[in-house]
Amino acid sequence: MFSTRLLPAFAFQLCLAGLAAAAPIADPVVGGSGNAWKYGVTGGIFGLTVMILDVIVFFEVLRSTRPWRRKALWCLFVFFFPIIGVLLYWFLSSKEHKRPAVSR
């Protein structure tokens, strides 16, 4: 039904859609954010870190030997619950489904 070559592209599209959905929309009533420097960049760095970890989990799930239904469930869970999904994946996923590293 699905081509395995298209799964990474589909995961990338989901990541881009999540970024587009998370983009802030300016409120027409508020003229500006005032002094933006007082808010700092911690939220941006934290958000970027979570996004990078989500992408790593997507690629790890898609490269695993799990059945496609479990792959889809993990990807959807991480997509809809980014922080909790990454933590649960790292702690609860079975490691025997990972593909071994290729030795040269």
N, C-alpha and C. Protein backbone atom coordinates (compact mmCIF):
# COMPACT_ATOMS: atom_id res chain seq x y z
N MET A 1 0.82 -1.18 0.00
CA MET A 1 0.00 0.00 0.00
C MET A 1 0.87 1.25 0.00
N PHE A 2 1.80 1.34 0.92
CA PHE A 2 2.72 2.47 0.98
C PHE A 2 4.09 2.03 0.50
N SER A 3 4.76 2.90 -0.17
CA SER A 3 6.13 2.63 -0.58
C SER A 3 7.05 3.00 0.58
N THR A 4 7.98 2.14 0.91
CA THR A 4 8.88 2.42 2.03
C THR A 4 9.82 3.57 1.72
N ARG A 5 10.01 3.88 0.45
CA ARG A 5 10.86 5.01 0.10
C ARG A 5 10.17 6.33 0.38
N LEU A 6 8.85 6.33 0.46
CA LEU A 6 8.11 7.56 0.68
C LEU A 6 7.90 7.88 2.15
N LEU A 7 8.15 6.93 3.05
CA LEU A 7 7.91 7.16 4.47
C LEU A 7 8.77 8.29 5.04
N PRO A 8 10.09 8.36 4.76
CA PRO A 8 10.85 9.50 5.28
C PRO A 8 10.35 10.84 4.74
N ALA A 9 9.95 10.87 3.48
CA ALA A 9 9.42 12.11 2.91
C ALA A 9 8.10 12.49 3.59
N PHE A 10 7.28 11.49 3.89
CA PHE A 10 6.02 11.75 4.58
C PHE A 10 6.28 12.27 5.99
N ALA A 11 7.25 11.70 6.69
CA ALA A 11 7.59 12.17 8.03
C ALA A 11 8.11 13.60 7.97
N PHE A 12 8.90 13.91 6.97
CA PHE A 12 9.41 15.27 6.81
C PHE A 12 8.26 16.24 6.54
N GLN A 13 7.30 15.85 5.73
CA GLN A 13 6.14 16.69 5.47
C GLN A 13 5.33 16.92 6.75
N LEU A 14 5.21 15.89 7.59
CA LEU A 14 4.51 16.06 8.87
C LEU A 14 5.24 17.04 9.77
N CYS A 15 6.56 16.98 9.77
CA CYS A 15 7.35 17.93 10.57
C CYS A 15 7.14 19.35 10.07
N LEU A 16 7.16 19.54 8.77
CA LEU A 16 6.95 20.88 8.21
C LEU A 16 5.54 21.38 8.50
N ALA A 17 4.55 20.50 8.44
CA ALA A 17 3.18 20.90 8.76
C ALA A 17 3.07 21.29 10.23
N GLY A 18 3.77 20.58 11.09
CA GLY A 18 3.77 20.93 12.51
C GLY A 18 4.41 22.28 12.76
N LEU A 19 5.49 22.57 12.04
CA LEU A 19 6.13 23.87 12.17
C LEU A 19 5.21 24.98 11.69
N ALA A 20 4.53 24.76 10.58
CA ALA A 20 3.62 25.77 10.05
C ALA A 20 2.45 26.01 11.00
N ALA A 21 1.96 24.94 11.62
CA ALA A 21 0.85 25.08 12.55
C ALA A 21 1.28 25.77 13.84
N ALA A 22 2.55 25.64 14.20
CA ALA A 22 3.04 26.23 15.44
C ALA A 22 3.48 27.68 15.26
N ALA A 23 3.48 28.19 14.04
CA ALA A 23 3.92 29.56 13.79
C ALA A 23 2.96 30.53 14.46
N PRO A 24 3.50 31.53 15.15
CA PRO A 24 2.63 32.50 15.81
C PRO A 24 1.91 33.38 14.79
N ILE A 25 0.69 33.72 15.11
CA ILE A 25 -0.11 34.61 14.27
C ILE A 25 -0.26 35.92 15.03
N ALA A 26 0.02 37.02 14.36
CA ALA A 26 -0.05 38.33 15.01
C ALA A 26 -1.50 38.68 15.33
N ASP A 27 -1.71 39.20 16.51
CA ASP A 27 -3.02 39.66 16.92
C ASP A 27 -3.21 41.08 16.40
N PRO A 28 -4.26 41.36 15.63
CA PRO A 28 -4.41 42.70 15.07
C PRO A 28 -4.68 43.76 16.12
N VAL A 29 -5.17 43.37 17.30
CA VAL A 29 -5.46 44.34 18.35
C VAL A 29 -4.18 44.82 19.00
N VAL A 30 -3.24 43.93 19.20
CA VAL A 30 -1.99 44.27 19.85
C VAL A 30 -1.05 44.85 18.81
N GLY A 31 -0.48 46.01 19.12
CA GLY A 31 0.40 46.68 18.17
C GLY A 31 1.77 46.07 18.09
N GLY A 32 2.23 45.42 19.11
CA GLY A 32 3.55 44.82 19.12
C GLY A 32 3.78 44.10 20.42
N SER A 33 4.91 43.50 20.55
CA SER A 33 5.19 42.75 21.77
C SER A 33 5.98 43.56 22.78
N GLY A 34 6.14 44.84 22.52
CA GLY A 34 6.89 45.67 23.45
C GLY A 34 8.36 45.32 23.42
N ASN A 35 8.92 45.12 24.57
CA ASN A 35 10.33 44.77 24.67
C ASN A 35 10.46 43.25 24.58
N ALA A 36 10.75 42.76 23.39
CA ALA A 36 10.82 41.31 23.18
C ALA A 36 12.01 40.68 23.89
N TRP A 37 13.05 41.46 24.19
CA TRP A 37 14.24 40.90 24.82
C TRP A 37 13.98 40.45 26.25
N LYS A 38 12.96 40.99 26.90
CA LYS A 38 12.70 40.60 28.29
C LYS A 38 12.17 39.18 28.39
N TYR A 39 11.66 38.61 27.29
CA TYR A 39 11.15 37.25 27.31
C TYR A 39 12.25 36.22 27.13
N GLY A 40 13.38 36.60 26.60
CA GLY A 40 14.49 35.68 26.43
C GLY A 40 14.29 34.73 25.26
N VAL A 41 15.25 33.82 25.10
CA VAL A 41 15.19 32.87 23.99
C VAL A 41 15.10 31.43 24.49
N THR A 42 14.87 31.24 25.77
CA THR A 42 14.83 29.90 26.33
C THR A 42 13.74 29.05 25.69
N GLY A 43 12.57 29.62 25.49
CA GLY A 43 11.49 28.87 24.86
C GLY A 43 11.83 28.46 23.44
N GLY A 44 12.50 29.34 22.72
CA GLY A 44 12.90 29.01 21.35
C GLY A 44 13.92 27.91 21.31
N ILE A 45 14.88 27.95 22.21
CA ILE A 45 15.92 26.90 22.26
C ILE A 45 15.29 25.58 22.69
N PHE A 46 14.40 25.63 23.66
CA PHE A 46 13.72 24.41 24.11
C PHE A 46 12.87 23.83 22.99
N GLY A 47 12.13 24.68 22.29
CA GLY A 47 11.30 24.22 21.18
C GLY A 47 12.13 23.62 20.06
N LEU A 48 13.27 24.25 19.75
CA LEU A 48 14.15 23.72 18.72
C LEU A 48 14.71 22.36 19.13
N THR A 49 15.08 22.22 20.40
CA THR A 49 15.60 20.95 20.89
C THR A 49 14.54 19.85 20.79
N VAL A 50 13.32 20.17 21.17
CA VAL A 50 12.23 19.18 21.08
C VAL A 50 11.99 18.79 19.63
N MET A 51 12.03 19.77 18.72
CA MET A 51 11.80 19.47 17.31
C MET A 51 12.91 18.57 16.76
N ILE A 52 14.15 18.84 17.12
CA ILE A 52 15.27 18.01 16.66
C ILE A 52 15.13 16.59 17.20
N LEU A 53 14.77 16.45 18.47
CA LEU A 53 14.57 15.12 19.05
C LEU A 53 13.40 14.39 18.38
N ASP A 54 12.34 15.13 18.04
CA ASP A 54 11.22 14.52 17.33
C ASP A 54 11.65 13.98 15.97
N VAL A 55 12.44 14.74 15.25
CA VAL A 55 12.91 14.30 13.93
C VAL A 55 13.78 13.06 14.08
N ILE A 56 14.63 13.04 15.11
CA ILE A 56 15.48 11.86 15.35
C ILE A 56 14.61 10.63 15.63
N VAL A 57 13.58 10.81 16.44
CA VAL A 57 12.68 9.69 16.75
C VAL A 57 11.94 9.23 15.50
N PHE A 58 11.48 10.18 14.67
CA PHE A 58 10.80 9.80 13.42
C PHE A 58 11.70 8.93 12.55
N PHE A 59 12.93 9.35 12.36
CA PHE A 59 13.84 8.57 11.52
C PHE A 59 14.17 7.23 12.15
N GLU A 60 14.33 7.20 13.47
CA GLU A 60 14.63 5.93 14.14
C GLU A 60 13.45 4.97 14.04
N VAL A 61 12.24 5.48 14.21
CA VAL A 61 11.06 4.63 14.09
C VAL A 61 10.91 4.11 12.67
N LEU A 62 11.08 4.99 11.69
CA LEU A 62 10.89 4.58 10.30
C LEU A 62 11.96 3.61 9.81
N ARG A 63 13.14 3.64 10.40
CA ARG A 63 14.21 2.72 10.01
C ARG A 63 14.15 1.41 10.79
N SER A 64 13.28 1.31 11.78
CA SER A 64 13.22 0.10 12.61
C SER A 64 12.56 -1.04 11.84
N THR A 65 12.60 -2.22 12.45
CA THR A 65 12.00 -3.41 11.83
C THR A 65 10.60 -3.67 12.36
N ARG A 66 9.99 -2.70 12.99
CA ARG A 66 8.63 -2.86 13.51
C ARG A 66 7.64 -3.00 12.35
N PRO A 67 6.47 -3.58 12.63
CA PRO A 67 5.40 -3.57 11.62
C PRO A 67 4.96 -2.13 11.33
N TRP A 68 4.44 -1.89 10.14
CA TRP A 68 4.12 -0.52 9.74
C TRP A 68 3.04 0.11 10.62
N ARG A 69 2.16 -0.69 11.21
CA ARG A 69 1.13 -0.12 12.08
C ARG A 69 1.74 0.44 13.36
N ARG A 70 2.70 -0.26 13.91
CA ARG A 70 3.37 0.25 15.12
C ARG A 70 4.21 1.48 14.79
N LYS A 71 4.82 1.47 13.62
CA LYS A 71 5.57 2.66 13.20
C LYS A 71 4.64 3.86 13.10
N ALA A 72 3.48 3.65 12.49
CA ALA A 72 2.52 4.74 12.32
C ALA A 72 2.02 5.23 13.68
N LEU A 73 1.75 4.32 14.60
CA LEU A 73 1.28 4.72 15.93
C LEU A 73 2.34 5.52 16.68
N TRP A 74 3.60 5.07 16.63
CA TRP A 74 4.67 5.82 17.29
C TRP A 74 4.82 7.20 16.68
N CYS A 75 4.81 7.27 15.35
CA CYS A 75 4.97 8.57 14.69
C CYS A 75 3.82 9.51 15.02
N LEU A 76 2.59 9.00 15.02
CA LEU A 76 1.45 9.84 15.37
C LEU A 76 1.51 10.29 16.82
N PHE A 77 1.90 9.39 17.71
CA PHE A 77 1.99 9.75 19.13
C PHE A 77 3.04 10.83 19.34
N VAL A 78 4.19 10.69 18.71
CA VAL A 78 5.25 11.69 18.86
C VAL A 78 4.83 13.00 18.18
N PHE A 79 4.09 12.92 17.09
CA PHE A 79 3.65 14.13 16.39
C PHE A 79 2.66 14.92 17.23
N PHE A 80 1.68 14.25 17.84
CA PHE A 80 0.65 14.95 18.60
C PHE A 80 1.07 15.29 20.03
N PHE A 81 1.99 14.54 20.60
CA PHE A 81 2.49 14.80 21.95
C PHE A 81 4.02 14.82 21.90
N PRO A 82 4.63 15.90 21.42
CA PRO A 82 6.07 15.89 21.13
C PRO A 82 6.96 15.58 22.33
N ILE A 83 6.74 16.22 23.45
CA ILE A 83 7.64 16.03 24.59
C ILE A 83 7.40 14.68 25.24
N ILE A 84 6.14 14.39 25.55
CA ILE A 84 5.80 13.11 26.18
C ILE A 84 6.11 11.95 25.23
N GLY A 85 5.83 12.14 23.94
CA GLY A 85 6.08 11.09 22.97
C GLY A 85 7.54 10.71 22.86
N VAL A 86 8.42 11.71 22.85
CA VAL A 86 9.86 11.43 22.77
C VAL A 86 10.32 10.70 24.02
N LEU A 87 9.88 11.18 25.18
CA LEU A 87 10.30 10.53 26.43
C LEU A 87 9.79 9.10 26.51
N LEU A 88 8.52 8.87 26.17
CA LEU A 88 7.99 7.51 26.20
C LEU A 88 8.68 6.62 25.19
N TYR A 89 8.99 7.16 24.02
CA TYR A 89 9.68 6.34 23.02
C TYR A 89 11.05 5.92 23.53
N TRP A 90 11.80 6.84 24.08
CA TRP A 90 13.16 6.50 24.53
C TRP A 90 13.14 5.51 25.69
N PHE A 91 12.12 5.59 26.56
CA PHE A 91 12.09 4.70 27.72
C PHE A 91 11.33 3.40 27.49
N LEU A 92 10.32 3.40 26.62
CA LEU A 92 9.45 2.22 26.49
C LEU A 92 9.65 1.42 25.21
N SER A 93 10.29 1.99 24.22
CA SER A 93 10.42 1.24 22.96
C SER A 93 11.41 0.10 23.16
N SER A 94 11.07 -1.03 22.56
CA SER A 94 11.97 -2.18 22.67
C SER A 94 13.14 -1.98 21.73
N LYS A 95 14.29 -2.29 22.22
CA LYS A 95 15.52 -2.04 21.45
C LYS A 95 15.82 -3.14 20.44
N GLU A 96 15.11 -4.27 20.50
CA GLU A 96 15.40 -5.34 19.54
C GLU A 96 14.86 -5.03 18.15
N HIS A 97 13.99 -4.02 18.04
CA HIS A 97 13.46 -3.67 16.73
C HIS A 97 14.38 -2.72 15.96
N LYS A 98 15.42 -2.25 16.62
CA LYS A 98 16.34 -1.35 15.92
C LYS A 98 17.23 -2.15 14.98
N ARG A 99 17.53 -1.56 13.86
CA ARG A 99 18.43 -2.22 12.92
C ARG A 99 19.85 -2.11 13.43
N PRO A 100 20.63 -3.16 13.32
CA PRO A 100 22.02 -3.08 13.77
C PRO A 100 22.83 -2.17 12.85
N ALA A 101 23.85 -1.58 13.44
CA ALA A 101 24.72 -0.71 12.66
C ALA A 101 25.51 -1.54 11.65
N VAL A 102 25.72 -0.98 10.50
CA VAL A 102 26.45 -1.68 9.45
C VAL A 102 27.94 -1.56 9.74
N SER A 103 28.61 -2.69 9.86
CA SER A 103 30.05 -2.67 10.10
C SER A 103 30.78 -2.84 8.78
N ARG A 104 31.84 -2.09 8.63
CA ARG A 104 32.61 -2.14 7.38
C ARG A 104 33.93 -2.79 7.60
